[in-house]
Every structure is written in structure tokens, then in C-alpha cells.
Amino acid sequence: MDEFTLIQKHFKKLTHNNPSALELNDDVFFDKDNNVVVSSDTYVEGIHFLNFRNPDLVIKKIVRSSISDLYCKGVKPKFIFICASGNNISFSKKNLKLVYKSLKQEQKKYKFKLSGGDTTKSNKTTFTITSLGYSKKIVQRNKCKNNDDIYVTGNLGDSYLGLLLLRKKLFLSNPKQRKYFIQKYYMPDLPTKISLKLIKFANSSIDISDGLLGDLTKLINTSKLYFRLDLKKIPISSNLNTYLIKADKKKINFISKGDDYQILFTSSKINRRYIKSLFKQMNQKVTLIGNLTNEIKSNQIISDKKLLKHRYNEGYTHNFS
């Protein structure tokens, strides 16, 4: 049983009298009457981050991951609450000073306020972060429409290559390239400039945390639509492109591994010119990578006008079987 089956099978019924829970089928809680939006995420050492040897970088990664849930809904995070578990090694004076410094930098960068939380002793380092913001409207999942365009902000794949470097699964001799990819893993560039504009043109949206293909499937979910993606149009950085060429690696194996924290959204075709103009004005990269349709019976990835027939990585899922 994966995490989504667990939620739908065992807990969804408990929310039937609570429309703000969005049937536990989105990344946030949305109290429409009070304009309150809340998300909550847990991060476990060895699963969501490799270890706590770089506490200043780990805390930046998990904070950005958490507030990304609000930004992709078109909401600016105002407050965060952090619950942390660890021991005298993970919570040493040196590490706590580094965590404090990083949190201060993140507060200044994203204009949120640390507002509470809890601490407990544990052999494994874990964090749970709750983010809260205010908005009259949000962009939900499962609101896609037939023939919607599919867009993604920024670039994909850099974070995964950074993770491979940290895991010592590959080696780059160029220190600048190595630093670039590792930095993208720990400090993803959140598309904050465009976030508050999403409500004007997006029918549905999600942040890419578990991987492009997996998160796109979650975005569509109950809409009874299928995606058709153009592999060549899926955006990657010049650094990743250079690596793929030199290492003779396939792009398809890097663009859906997760931890990108870019916004994936759908929009009606009539908004194409507006979206192009707005994103250019905001100096935010956005790419039209495909469309949704009810005319096909399975998801498709096209490369050079050919349909890729293999099953490719659909993102990370927690399994409890």
C-alpha cells in the first residue's frame, strides 16, 4: 500500500464534514471562510535528506520544500512552525548555530516568520514543518480541463544530479559544476515572483517534489484526462545538458526524479499569449511542455515525433507494504 492509497482508504472518510480538507487530495488545507491556507510536511533523515552533516543546507532545503506547497497554490507563506527530533550530536551547539543562521537567511529571503513548534529527543533526526498563509482563492489539483496546456517553471533535473553526486553515484572533475548541482539539490530556486499571479490563468497546479511524471499524474488525478508530453520541450539547464552529452546519458532518466520544486500547472490555450508576456515581464522561465486530452487512453511521452514505449520513472512514493 502506497501513501496515497493509505490516505484514501483509511482517512478520507473522516473529512467528509470538512470541505476545507479538500478530501485529503491536495497539498494544503483551505479554509475558504477565513482565507486560511495550511500545509504540513515531515522530513526524515536517510529518506528526505541523506544525513545532517550539513545542517545549514538541510534546513534550507526542507524549509523551501515546505513553503513551496503554498507558493504552487498561489499563496504567500506568512508563518512557519517547526517540530524537530534529534540527539546531542544532531543538535550540538555548532549545528544549532548553523541552523539558526540559515533560518534567519530564509526568513529574510521569503518574508515568513518562525512562529512555534516543538522539540523532542530521538536517535533519528526528523523535522515537521507547518506553513500558513492567507488567500481568498487557491489553485487546486484535479481542476484540469480537456485540451489544457501543460506548463512548468524553471528547469528540471539539476537536483537529481546533485543527489547522485552526494551519494557518490557519479563523479564530476569540474568543481564549479559539482558545486552547481549540489547547490540546486540543497537550495532549489522557488518561482515566487509568479506565484501570486497563478490564480489568473492556472486551472490546476502542483509543485514538483516527487518528480514530473508522478506529480503530473497526481495533478490530473480524478479529471479522467491523459497527458501528452514533448520530451524535447521539457526544460533542463545548460549545465545538465552538457553533462548528458558528455556522459552519453538519456534526458528521460533525469527529468522526473523529484526535488525540483518548480510549479507544474495547466491552463487553457486562450491564455498562451498572456502567459508568455507575463512570465517575460516577471523574468521567470516557463515552458509549454505538452497538453491534456481525453482523446487518448494512456499517458504519452513523445520524442522526435515517436512515442516512447517504455515505462519511465513516475516519481518517488512512500510504500507501506
C-alpha atoms as a PDB file:
ATOM      1  CA  MET A   1       0.000   0.000   0.000  1.00  0.00           C
ATOM      2  CA  ASP A   2       1.458   3.376  -1.002  1.00  0.00           C
ATOM      3  CA  GLU A   3       0.957   6.643   0.869  1.00  0.00           C
ATOM      4  CA  PHE A   4      -1.936   7.785  -1.324  1.00  0.00           C
ATOM      5  CA  THR A   5      -3.863   4.520  -1.039  1.00  0.00           C
ATOM      6  CA  LEU A   6      -3.350   4.621   2.724  1.00  0.00           C
ATOM      7  CA  ILE A   7      -4.834   8.114   2.948  1.00  0.00           C
ATOM      8  CA  GLN A   8      -7.759   7.454   0.644  1.00  0.00           C
ATOM      9  CA  LYS A   9      -8.623   4.088   2.187  1.00  0.00           C
ATOM     10  CA  HIS A  10      -8.254   4.843   5.881  1.00  0.00           C
ATOM     11  CA  PHE A  11      -8.582   8.585   6.480  1.00  0.00           C
ATOM     12  CA  LYS A  12     -10.523  10.276   3.669  1.00  0.00           C
ATOM     13  CA  LYS A  13     -13.925   9.362   5.178  1.00  0.00           C
ATOM     14  CA  LEU A  14     -13.046  11.263   8.350  1.00  0.00           C
ATOM     15  CA  THR A  15     -13.014  14.551   6.402  1.00  0.00           C
ATOM     16  CA  HIS A  16     -16.471  14.328   4.778  1.00  0.00           C
ATOM     17  CA  ASN A  17     -17.858  17.056   7.028  1.00  0.00           C
ATOM     18  CA  ASN A  18     -14.792  19.238   6.483  1.00  0.00           C
ATOM     19  CA  PRO A  19     -14.649  20.702   2.960  1.00  0.00           C
ATOM     20  CA  SER A  20     -11.524  22.664   3.907  1.00  0.00           C
ATOM     21  CA  ALA A  21      -9.581  19.382   3.935  1.00  0.00           C
ATOM     22  CA  LEU A  22     -10.137  19.134   0.140  1.00  0.00           C
ATOM     23  CA  GLU A  23     -10.810  15.395   0.595  1.00  0.00           C
ATOM     24  CA  LEU A  24      -7.114  14.953   1.538  1.00  0.00           C
ATOM     25  CA  ASN A  25      -6.431  15.128  -2.185  1.00  0.00           C
ATOM     26  CA  ASP A  26      -4.278  18.243  -2.314  1.00  0.00           C
ATOM     27  CA  ASP A  27      -1.142  19.574  -0.643  1.00  0.00           C
ATOM     28  CA  VAL A  28      -2.971  22.082   1.529  1.00  0.00           C
ATOM     29  CA  PHE A  29      -5.886  22.754   3.865  1.00  0.00           C
ATOM     30  CA  PHE A  30      -8.005  25.684   2.655  1.00  0.00           C
ATOM     31  CA  ASP A  31     -10.499  27.367   4.970  1.00  0.00           C
ATOM     32  CA  LYS A  32     -12.367  29.475   2.428  1.00  0.00           C
ATOM     33  CA  ASP A  33     -14.462  31.287   5.052  1.00  0.00           C
ATOM     34  CA  ASN A  34     -11.399  32.579   6.889  1.00  0.00           C
ATOM     35  CA  ASN A  35      -8.995  32.727   3.910  1.00  0.00           C
ATOM     36  CA  VAL A  36      -6.533  30.413   5.701  1.00  0.00           C
ATOM     37  CA  VAL A  37      -4.197  28.051   3.820  1.00  0.00           C
ATOM     38  CA  VAL A  38      -2.067  25.471   5.655  1.00  0.00           C
ATOM     39  CA  SER A  39       0.380  22.745   4.613  1.00  0.00           C
ATOM     40  CA  SER A  40       2.379  20.287   6.690  1.00  0.00           C
ATOM     41  CA  ASP A  41       5.385  18.118   5.763  1.00  0.00           C
ATOM     42  CA  THR A  42       7.645  15.683   7.609  1.00  0.00           C
ATOM     43  CA  TYR A  43      11.299  15.096   6.709  1.00  0.00           C
ATOM     44  CA  VAL A  44      13.218  12.040   7.902  1.00  0.00           C
ATOM     45  CA  GLU A  45      16.981  11.589   7.873  1.00  0.00           C
ATOM     46  CA  GLY A  46      18.009   8.964   5.326  1.00  0.00           C
ATOM     47  CA  ILE A  47      14.816   9.414   3.298  1.00  0.00           C
ATOM     48  CA  HIS A  48      14.205  13.121   2.659  1.00  0.00           C
ATOM     49  CA  PHE A  49      17.807  14.169   3.303  1.00  0.00           C
ATOM     50  CA  LEU A  50      20.886  11.956   3.339  1.00  0.00           C
ATOM     51  CA  ASN A  51      22.264  12.980   6.717  1.00  0.00           C
ATOM     52  CA  PHE A  52      22.650  16.002   8.976  1.00  0.00           C
ATOM     53  CA  ARG A  53      26.326  16.690   8.291  1.00  0.00           C
ATOM     54  CA  ASN A  54      25.403  19.971   6.609  1.00  0.00           C
ATOM     55  CA  PRO A  55      22.633  21.257   8.890  1.00  0.00           C
ATOM     56  CA  ASP A  56      22.728  24.763   7.398  1.00  0.00           C
ATOM     57  CA  LEU A  57      21.967  23.356   3.936  1.00  0.00           C
ATOM     58  CA  VAL A  58      19.480  20.690   5.072  1.00  0.00           C
ATOM     59  CA  ILE A  59      17.332  23.244   6.892  1.00  0.00           C
ATOM     60  CA  LYS A  60      17.219  25.455   3.803  1.00  0.00           C
ATOM     61  CA  LYS A  61      16.158  22.509   1.658  1.00  0.00           C
ATOM     62  CA  ILE A  62      13.304  21.414   3.921  1.00  0.00           C
ATOM     63  CA  VAL A  63      12.052  24.959   4.536  1.00  0.00           C
ATOM     64  CA  ARG A  64      11.901  25.681   0.799  1.00  0.00           C
ATOM     65  CA  SER A  65      10.264  22.321   0.177  1.00  0.00           C
ATOM     66  CA  SER A  66       7.582  23.157   2.750  1.00  0.00           C
ATOM     67  CA  ILE A  67       6.720  26.686   1.665  1.00  0.00           C
ATOM     68  CA  SER A  68       6.702  25.503  -1.954  1.00  0.00           C
ATOM     69  CA  ASP A  69       3.379  23.785  -1.197  1.00  0.00           C
ATOM     70  CA  LEU A  70       1.810  27.207  -0.623  1.00  0.00           C
ATOM     71  CA  TYR A  71       3.545  29.033  -3.459  1.00  0.00           C
ATOM     72  CA  CYS A  72       2.263  26.494  -6.006  1.00  0.00           C
ATOM     73  CA  LYS A  73      -1.286  27.205  -4.816  1.00  0.00           C
ATOM     74  CA  GLY A  74      -0.792  30.935  -5.451  1.00  0.00           C
ATOM     75  CA  VAL A  75      -0.334  31.715  -1.744  1.00  0.00           C
ATOM     76  CA  LYS A  76       2.471  33.560   0.034  1.00  0.00           C
ATOM     77  CA  PRO A  77       3.603  31.826   3.258  1.00  0.00           C
ATOM     78  CA  LYS A  78       3.391  34.114   6.292  1.00  0.00           C
ATOM     79  CA  PHE A  79       4.211  31.819   9.223  1.00  0.00           C
ATOM     80  CA  ILE A  80       6.020  28.517   9.708  1.00  0.00           C
ATOM     81  CA  PHE A  81       6.113  26.127  12.662  1.00  0.00           C
ATOM     82  CA  ILE A  82       8.977  23.653  13.086  1.00  0.00           C
ATOM     83  CA  CYS A  83       8.898  20.435  15.110  1.00  0.00           C
ATOM     84  CA  ALA A  84      12.319  18.791  15.383  1.00  0.00           C
ATOM     85  CA  SER A  85      13.609  15.495  16.764  1.00  0.00           C
ATOM     86  CA  GLY A  86      17.272  14.703  17.297  1.00  0.00           C
ATOM     87  CA  ASN A  87      20.034  13.926  19.766  1.00  0.00           C
ATOM     88  CA  ASN A  88      23.067  15.643  21.281  1.00  0.00           C
ATOM     89  CA  ILE A  89      25.029  15.083  18.061  1.00  0.00           C
ATOM     90  CA  SER A  90      22.487  16.456  15.590  1.00  0.00           C
ATOM     91  CA  PHE A  91      21.527  19.254  17.988  1.00  0.00           C
ATOM     92  CA  SER A  92      25.046  20.217  19.054  1.00  0.00           C
ATOM     93  CA  LYS A  93      25.797  23.872  19.750  1.00  0.00           C
ATOM     94  CA  LYS A  94      27.690  24.128  16.469  1.00  0.00           C
ATOM     95  CA  ASN A  95      24.819  22.669  14.451  1.00  0.00           C
ATOM     96  CA  LEU A  96      22.197  24.787  16.177  1.00  0.00           C
ATOM     97  CA  LYS A  97      24.158  27.944  15.376  1.00  0.00           C
ATOM     98  CA  LEU A  98      24.260  26.909  11.719  1.00  0.00           C
ATOM     99  CA  VAL A  99      20.525  26.138  11.715  1.00  0.00           C
ATOM    100  CA  TYR A 100      19.769  29.493  13.339  1.00  0.00           C
ATOM    101  CA  LYS A 101      21.841  31.344  10.734  1.00  0.00           C
ATOM    102  CA  SER A 102      20.136  29.554   7.839  1.00  0.00           C
ATOM    103  CA  LEU A 103      16.632  30.095   9.218  1.00  0.00           C
ATOM    104  CA  LYS A 104      17.386  33.787   9.628  1.00  0.00           C
ATOM    105  CA  GLN A 105      18.520  33.961   5.993  1.00  0.00           C
ATOM    106  CA  GLU A 106      15.419  32.104   4.781  1.00  0.00           C
ATOM    107  CA  GLN A 107      13.122  34.367   6.795  1.00  0.00           C
ATOM    108  CA  LYS A 108      14.712  37.411   5.196  1.00  0.00           C
ATOM    109  CA  LYS A 109      14.558  35.923   1.700  1.00  0.00           C
ATOM    110  CA  TYR A 110      10.968  34.658   1.777  1.00  0.00           C
ATOM    111  CA  LYS A 111       9.455  37.080   4.342  1.00  0.00           C
ATOM    112  CA  PHE A 112       7.873  34.463   6.617  1.00  0.00           C
ATOM    113  CA  LYS A 113       8.029  34.369  10.419  1.00  0.00           C
ATOM    114  CA  LEU A 114       9.050  31.419  12.568  1.00  0.00           C
ATOM    115  CA  SER A 115       6.074  31.136  14.926  1.00  0.00           C
ATOM    116  CA  GLY A 116       6.367  27.997  17.033  1.00  0.00           C
ATOM    117  CA  GLY A 117       6.889  24.248  17.045  1.00  0.00           C
ATOM    118  CA  ASP A 118       8.234  21.522  19.314  1.00  0.00           C
ATOM    119  CA  THR A 119      11.450  19.618  20.067  1.00  0.00           C
ATOM    120  CA  THR A 120      11.920  16.015  21.176  1.00  0.00           C
ATOM    121  CA  LYS A 121      14.873  13.685  21.736  1.00  0.00           C
ATOM    122  CA  SER A 122      15.345  10.957  19.152  1.00  0.00           C
ATOM    123  CA  ASN A 123      18.129   8.829  17.656  1.00  0.00           C
ATOM    124  CA  LYS A 124      17.000   9.802  14.153  1.00  0.00           C
ATOM    125  CA  THR A 125      16.845  13.424  13.034  1.00  0.00           C
ATOM    126  CA  THR A 126      13.423  14.457  11.758  1.00  0.00           C
ATOM    127  CA  PHE A 127      11.597  17.705  11.086  1.00  0.00           C
ATOM    128  CA  THR A 128       7.929  18.520  10.598  1.00  0.00           C
ATOM    129  CA  ILE A 129       7.187  21.936   9.155  1.00  0.00           C
ATOM    130  CA  THR A 130       3.770  23.547   9.021  1.00  0.00           C
ATOM    131  CA  SER A 131       3.362  26.551   6.722  1.00  0.00           C
ATOM    132  CA  LEU A 132       0.478  29.018   6.913  1.00  0.00           C
ATOM    133  CA  GLY A 133      -0.694  31.796   4.620  1.00  0.00           C
ATOM    134  CA  TYR A 134      -3.822  33.759   3.746  1.00  0.00           C
ATOM    135  CA  SER A 135      -5.716  33.882   0.480  1.00  0.00           C
ATOM    136  CA  LYS A 136      -9.280  34.232  -0.794  1.00  0.00           C
ATOM    137  CA  LYS A 137      -8.610  31.720  -3.558  1.00  0.00           C
ATOM    138  CA  ILE A 138      -6.151  28.942  -4.342  1.00  0.00           C
ATOM    139  CA  VAL A 139      -5.279  26.902  -7.424  1.00  0.00           C
ATOM    140  CA  GLN A 140      -6.224  23.314  -6.615  1.00  0.00           C
ATOM    141  CA  ARG A 141      -5.294  19.959  -8.039  1.00  0.00           C
ATOM    142  CA  ASN A 142      -7.863  17.992 -10.049  1.00  0.00           C
ATOM    143  CA  LYS A 143      -9.319  21.047 -11.764  1.00  0.00           C
ATOM    144  CA  CYS A 144      -7.680  20.352 -15.107  1.00  0.00           C
ATOM    145  CA  LYS A 145      -9.734  20.768 -18.255  1.00  0.00           C
ATOM    146  CA  ASN A 146      -9.719  18.894 -21.525  1.00  0.00           C
ATOM    147  CA  ASN A 147      -7.198  20.366 -24.002  1.00  0.00           C
ATOM    148  CA  ASP A 148      -5.383  22.309 -21.258  1.00  0.00           C
ATOM    149  CA  ASP A 149      -1.780  23.224 -21.978  1.00  0.00           C
ATOM    150  CA  ILE A 150       0.815  21.872 -19.533  1.00  0.00           C
ATOM    151  CA  TYR A 151       3.489  24.278 -18.290  1.00  0.00           C
ATOM    152  CA  VAL A 152       6.455  24.026 -15.958  1.00  0.00           C
ATOM    153  CA  THR A 153       8.565  26.823 -14.477  1.00  0.00           C
ATOM    154  CA  GLY A 154      12.371  26.817 -14.340  1.00  0.00           C
ATOM    155  CA  ASN A 155      14.493  23.767 -15.137  1.00  0.00           C
ATOM    156  CA  LEU A 156      14.250  20.117 -14.108  1.00  0.00           C
ATOM    157  CA  GLY A 157      16.860  17.501 -13.254  1.00  0.00           C
ATOM    158  CA  ASP A 158      19.644  19.551 -11.650  1.00  0.00           C
ATOM    159  CA  SER A 159      18.652  18.496  -8.142  1.00  0.00           C
ATOM    160  CA  TYR A 160      18.740  14.804  -9.033  1.00  0.00           C
ATOM    161  CA  LEU A 161      22.255  15.088 -10.409  1.00  0.00           C
ATOM    162  CA  GLY A 162      23.251  16.866  -7.205  1.00  0.00           C
ATOM    163  CA  LEU A 163      21.819  13.965  -5.199  1.00  0.00           C
ATOM    164  CA  LEU A 164      23.785  11.458  -7.288  1.00  0.00           C
ATOM    165  CA  LEU A 165      26.970  13.401  -6.534  1.00  0.00           C
ATOM    166  CA  LEU A 166      26.229  13.418  -2.804  1.00  0.00           C
ATOM    167  CA  ARG A 167      25.531   9.683  -2.906  1.00  0.00           C
ATOM    168  CA  LYS A 168      28.811   9.192  -4.815  1.00  0.00           C
ATOM    169  CA  LYS A 169      26.929   7.517  -7.649  1.00  0.00           C
ATOM    170  CA  LEU A 170      28.885   9.623 -10.139  1.00  0.00           C
ATOM    171  CA  PHE A 171      31.850  11.961 -10.164  1.00  0.00           C
ATOM    172  CA  LEU A 172      32.443  15.343 -11.802  1.00  0.00           C
ATOM    173  CA  SER A 173      36.005  16.574 -12.065  1.00  0.00           C
ATOM    174  CA  ASN A 174      34.957  20.190 -12.563  1.00  0.00           C
ATOM    175  CA  PRO A 175      34.498  21.706  -9.054  1.00  0.00           C
ATOM    176  CA  LYS A 176      32.255  24.519 -10.354  1.00  0.00           C
ATOM    177  CA  GLN A 177      29.877  22.056 -11.976  1.00  0.00           C
ATOM    178  CA  ARG A 178      29.849  19.880  -8.874  1.00  0.00           C
ATOM    179  CA  LYS A 179      29.069  22.888  -6.673  1.00  0.00           C
ATOM    180  CA  TYR A 180      26.304  23.997  -9.047  1.00  0.00           C
ATOM    181  CA  PHE A 181      24.386  20.702  -8.940  1.00  0.00           C
ATOM    182  CA  ILE A 182      24.782  20.153  -5.191  1.00  0.00           C
ATOM    183  CA  GLN A 183      23.575  23.693  -4.564  1.00  0.00           C
ATOM    184  CA  LYS A 184      20.497  23.019  -6.707  1.00  0.00           C
ATOM    185  CA  TYR A 185      19.761  19.967  -4.564  1.00  0.00           C
ATOM    186  CA  TYR A 186      20.004  21.842  -1.268  1.00  0.00           C
ATOM    187  CA  MET A 187      18.703  25.247  -2.381  1.00  0.00           C
ATOM    188  CA  PRO A 188      16.082  24.971  -5.140  1.00  0.00           C
ATOM    189  CA  ASP A 189      15.060  28.222  -6.826  1.00  0.00           C
ATOM    190  CA  LEU A 190      11.407  28.700  -5.916  1.00  0.00           C
ATOM    191  CA  PRO A 191       9.394  30.590  -8.589  1.00  0.00           C
ATOM    192  CA  THR A 192       7.990  33.041  -6.042  1.00  0.00           C
ATOM    193  CA  LYS A 193       7.584  36.005  -8.411  1.00  0.00           C
ATOM    194  CA  ILE A 194       4.876  34.376 -10.440  1.00  0.00           C
ATOM    195  CA  SER A 195       3.123  32.538  -7.613  1.00  0.00           C
ATOM    196  CA  LEU A 196       0.555  35.191  -6.708  1.00  0.00           C
ATOM    197  CA  LYS A 197      -0.423  35.546 -10.386  1.00  0.00           C
ATOM    198  CA  LEU A 198      -1.322  31.849 -10.812  1.00  0.00           C
ATOM    199  CA  ILE A 199      -4.970  32.323  -9.930  1.00  0.00           C
ATOM    200  CA  LYS A 200      -5.397  34.493 -13.046  1.00  0.00           C
ATOM    201  CA  PHE A 201      -4.597  31.760 -15.564  1.00  0.00           C
ATOM    202  CA  ALA A 202      -3.966  28.342 -13.970  1.00  0.00           C
ATOM    203  CA  ASN A 203      -6.769  25.775 -13.881  1.00  0.00           C
ATOM    204  CA  SER A 204      -4.734  23.415 -11.703  1.00  0.00           C
ATOM    205  CA  SER A 205      -1.250  23.366 -10.162  1.00  0.00           C
ATOM    206  CA  ILE A 206       1.215  21.407  -8.033  1.00  0.00           C
ATOM    207  CA  ASP A 207       4.874  21.751  -7.091  1.00  0.00           C
ATOM    208  CA  ILE A 208       7.303  19.181  -8.458  1.00  0.00           C
ATOM    209  CA  SER A 209       8.544  17.416  -5.356  1.00  0.00           C
ATOM    210  CA  ASP A 210       8.306  13.713  -6.221  1.00  0.00           C
ATOM    211  CA  GLY A 211       9.010  14.002  -9.961  1.00  0.00           C
ATOM    212  CA  LEU A 212       7.472  15.494 -13.111  1.00  0.00           C
ATOM    213  CA  LEU A 213       5.571  12.418 -14.291  1.00  0.00           C
ATOM    214  CA  GLY A 214       4.377  11.340 -10.871  1.00  0.00           C
ATOM    215  CA  ASP A 215       3.278  14.819  -9.844  1.00  0.00           C
ATOM    216  CA  LEU A 216       1.564  15.382 -13.187  1.00  0.00           C
ATOM    217  CA  THR A 217      -0.401  12.169 -12.605  1.00  0.00           C
ATOM    218  CA  LYS A 218      -1.418  13.472  -9.159  1.00  0.00           C
ATOM    219  CA  LEU A 219      -2.375  16.813 -10.695  1.00  0.00           C
ATOM    220  CA  ILE A 220      -4.722  15.158 -13.190  1.00  0.00           C
ATOM    221  CA  ASN A 221      -5.944  12.528 -10.709  1.00  0.00           C
ATOM    222  CA  THR A 222      -9.761  12.369 -10.956  1.00  0.00           C
ATOM    223  CA  SER A 223     -10.022  14.514 -14.093  1.00  0.00           C
ATOM    224  CA  LYS A 224     -10.210  11.491 -16.438  1.00  0.00           C
ATOM    225  CA  LEU A 225      -7.648  13.037 -18.762  1.00  0.00           C
ATOM    226  CA  TYR A 226      -4.269  11.889 -20.063  1.00  0.00           C
ATOM    227  CA  PHE A 227      -1.096  13.828 -20.767  1.00  0.00           C
ATOM    228  CA  ARG A 228       0.924  14.047 -23.926  1.00  0.00           C
ATOM    229  CA  LEU A 229       4.417  15.467 -23.317  1.00  0.00           C
ATOM    230  CA  ASP A 230       7.133  16.515 -25.759  1.00  0.00           C
ATOM    231  CA  LEU A 231      10.412  15.281 -24.249  1.00  0.00           C
ATOM    232  CA  LYS A 232      12.469  17.826 -26.180  1.00  0.00           C
ATOM    233  CA  LYS A 233      10.490  20.715 -24.706  1.00  0.00           C
ATOM    234  CA  ILE A 234      10.953  19.663 -21.068  1.00  0.00           C
ATOM    235  CA  PRO A 235      13.401  22.329 -19.808  1.00  0.00           C
ATOM    236  CA  ILE A 236      16.835  21.487 -18.454  1.00  0.00           C
ATOM    237  CA  SER A 237      19.782  23.745 -17.647  1.00  0.00           C
ATOM    238  CA  SER A 238      22.760  24.176 -19.946  1.00  0.00           C
ATOM    239  CA  ASN A 239      24.878  22.538 -17.226  1.00  0.00           C
ATOM    240  CA  LEU A 240      22.729  19.404 -17.203  1.00  0.00           C
ATOM    241  CA  ASN A 241      22.576  19.336 -20.991  1.00  0.00           C
ATOM    242  CA  THR A 242      26.380  19.485 -21.160  1.00  0.00           C
ATOM    243  CA  TYR A 243      26.659  16.606 -18.691  1.00  0.00           C
ATOM    244  CA  LEU A 244      24.141  14.451 -20.594  1.00  0.00           C
ATOM    245  CA  ILE A 245      26.043  14.913 -23.854  1.00  0.00           C
ATOM    246  CA  LYS A 246      29.482  14.219 -22.343  1.00  0.00           C
ATOM    247  CA  ALA A 247      28.304  11.248 -20.281  1.00  0.00           C
ATOM    248  CA  ASP A 248      26.070   9.909 -23.074  1.00  0.00           C
ATOM    249  CA  LYS A 249      23.050   9.783 -20.769  1.00  0.00           C
ATOM    250  CA  LYS A 250      19.345   9.958 -21.672  1.00  0.00           C
ATOM    251  CA  LYS A 251      17.359  13.038 -20.737  1.00  0.00           C
ATOM    252  CA  ILE A 252      14.282  10.959 -19.879  1.00  0.00           C
ATOM    253  CA  ASN A 253      16.140   9.411 -16.941  1.00  0.00           C
ATOM    254  CA  PHE A 254      16.825  12.777 -15.266  1.00  0.00           C
ATOM    255  CA  ILE A 255      13.698  14.907 -15.664  1.00  0.00           C
ATOM    256  CA  SER A 256      11.343  13.078 -13.319  1.00  0.00           C
ATOM    257  CA  LYS A 257      13.317  12.177 -10.203  1.00  0.00           C
ATOM    258  CA  GLY A 258      11.945  14.859  -7.875  1.00  0.00           C
ATOM    259  CA  ASP A 259      13.223  17.631  -5.584  1.00  0.00           C
ATOM    260  CA  ASP A 260      12.903  20.302  -8.287  1.00  0.00           C
ATOM    261  CA  TYR A 261      10.213  22.390  -6.513  1.00  0.00           C
ATOM    262  CA  GLN A 262       9.170  24.123  -9.691  1.00  0.00           C
ATOM    263  CA  ILE A 263       5.489  24.831 -10.366  1.00  0.00           C
ATOM    264  CA  LEU A 264       3.656  22.495 -12.727  1.00  0.00           C
ATOM    265  CA  PHE A 265       0.352  23.938 -13.922  1.00  0.00           C
ATOM    266  CA  THR A 266      -2.267  23.649 -16.621  1.00  0.00           C
ATOM    267  CA  SER A 267      -4.043  26.456 -18.424  1.00  0.00           C
ATOM    268  CA  SER A 268      -6.475  26.970 -21.297  1.00  0.00           C
ATOM    269  CA  LYS A 269      -4.974  27.545 -24.734  1.00  0.00           C
ATOM    270  CA  ILE A 270      -6.519  31.019 -24.916  1.00  0.00           C
ATOM    271  CA  ASN A 271      -4.037  32.122 -22.218  1.00  0.00           C
ATOM    272  CA  ARG A 272      -0.887  31.302 -24.193  1.00  0.00           C
ATOM    273  CA  ARG A 273      -0.063  34.845 -25.263  1.00  0.00           C
ATOM    274  CA  TYR A 274      -0.866  36.261 -21.814  1.00  0.00           C
ATOM    275  CA  ILE A 275       1.297  33.671 -20.037  1.00  0.00           C
ATOM    276  CA  LYS A 276       4.233  34.257 -22.365  1.00  0.00           C
ATOM    277  CA  SER A 277       4.029  38.021 -21.871  1.00  0.00           C
ATOM    278  CA  LEU A 278       3.524  37.857 -18.094  1.00  0.00           C
ATOM    279  CA  PHE A 279       6.376  35.456 -17.433  1.00  0.00           C
ATOM    280  CA  LYS A 280       8.704  37.532 -19.607  1.00  0.00           C
ATOM    281  CA  GLN A 281       7.711  40.623 -17.647  1.00  0.00           C
ATOM    282  CA  MET A 282       8.361  38.791 -14.349  1.00  0.00           C
ATOM    283  CA  ASN A 283      11.689  37.438 -15.645  1.00  0.00           C
ATOM    284  CA  GLN A 284      10.547  33.913 -14.803  1.00  0.00           C
ATOM    285  CA  LYS A 285      11.243  30.994 -17.135  1.00  0.00           C
ATOM    286  CA  VAL A 286       8.199  28.981 -18.145  1.00  0.00           C
ATOM    287  CA  THR A 287       7.883  26.235 -20.775  1.00  0.00           C
ATOM    288  CA  LEU A 288       4.884  24.750 -22.551  1.00  0.00           C
ATOM    289  CA  ILE A 289       5.704  21.023 -22.490  1.00  0.00           C
ATOM    290  CA  GLY A 290       2.503  19.321 -23.610  1.00  0.00           C
ATOM    291  CA  ASN A 291      -1.248  19.106 -23.286  1.00  0.00           C
ATOM    292  CA  LEU A 292      -4.090  17.170 -21.655  1.00  0.00           C
ATOM    293  CA  THR A 293      -6.703  15.320 -23.650  1.00  0.00           C
ATOM    294  CA  ASN A 294      -9.491  12.755 -23.377  1.00  0.00           C
ATOM    295  CA  GLU A 295      -8.815  11.550 -26.921  1.00  0.00           C
ATOM    296  CA  ILE A 296      -6.110   9.074 -25.848  1.00  0.00           C
ATOM    297  CA  LYS A 297      -6.388   6.232 -23.313  1.00  0.00           C
ATOM    298  CA  SER A 298      -2.922   6.373 -21.760  1.00  0.00           C
ATOM    299  CA  ASN A 299      -0.267   8.943 -20.915  1.00  0.00           C
ATOM    300  CA  GLN A 300       2.233   9.610 -23.697  1.00  0.00           C
ATOM    301  CA  ILE A 301       5.759  10.963 -23.976  1.00  0.00           C
ATOM    302  CA  ILE A 302       6.807  11.941 -27.497  1.00  0.00           C
ATOM    303  CA  SER A 303      10.413  12.245 -28.683  1.00  0.00           C
ATOM    304  CA  ASP A 304      11.199  13.266 -32.274  1.00  0.00           C
ATOM    305  CA  LYS A 305       7.574  12.521 -33.180  1.00  0.00           C
ATOM    306  CA  LYS A 306       7.981   8.968 -31.870  1.00  0.00           C
ATOM    307  CA  LEU A 307       6.046   7.555 -28.928  1.00  0.00           C
ATOM    308  CA  LEU A 308       8.314   6.289 -26.155  1.00  0.00           C
ATOM    309  CA  LYS A 309       7.025   2.831 -25.344  1.00  0.00           C
ATOM    310  CA  HIS A 310       8.982   2.095 -22.175  1.00  0.00           C
ATOM    311  CA  ARG A 311       7.686   2.758 -18.675  1.00  0.00           C
ATOM    312  CA  TYR A 312       9.733   5.554 -17.162  1.00  0.00           C
ATOM    313  CA  ASN A 313      10.219   6.809 -13.634  1.00  0.00           C
ATOM    314  CA  GLU A 314       6.963   8.217 -12.312  1.00  0.00           C
ATOM    315  CA  GLY A 315       8.361   9.746  -9.149  1.00  0.00           C
ATOM    316  CA  TYR A 316       9.002   8.834  -5.545  1.00  0.00           C
ATOM    317  CA  THR A 317       6.282   7.202  -3.453  1.00  0.00           C
ATOM    318  CA  HIS A 318       6.334   6.029   0.153  1.00  0.00           C
ATOM    319  CA  ASN A 319       5.223   2.382   0.319  1.00  0.00           C
ATOM    320  CA  PHE A 320       3.984   0.640   3.466  1.00  0.00           C
ATOM    321  CA  SER A 321       3.543  -2.907   2.176  1.00  0.00           C
END
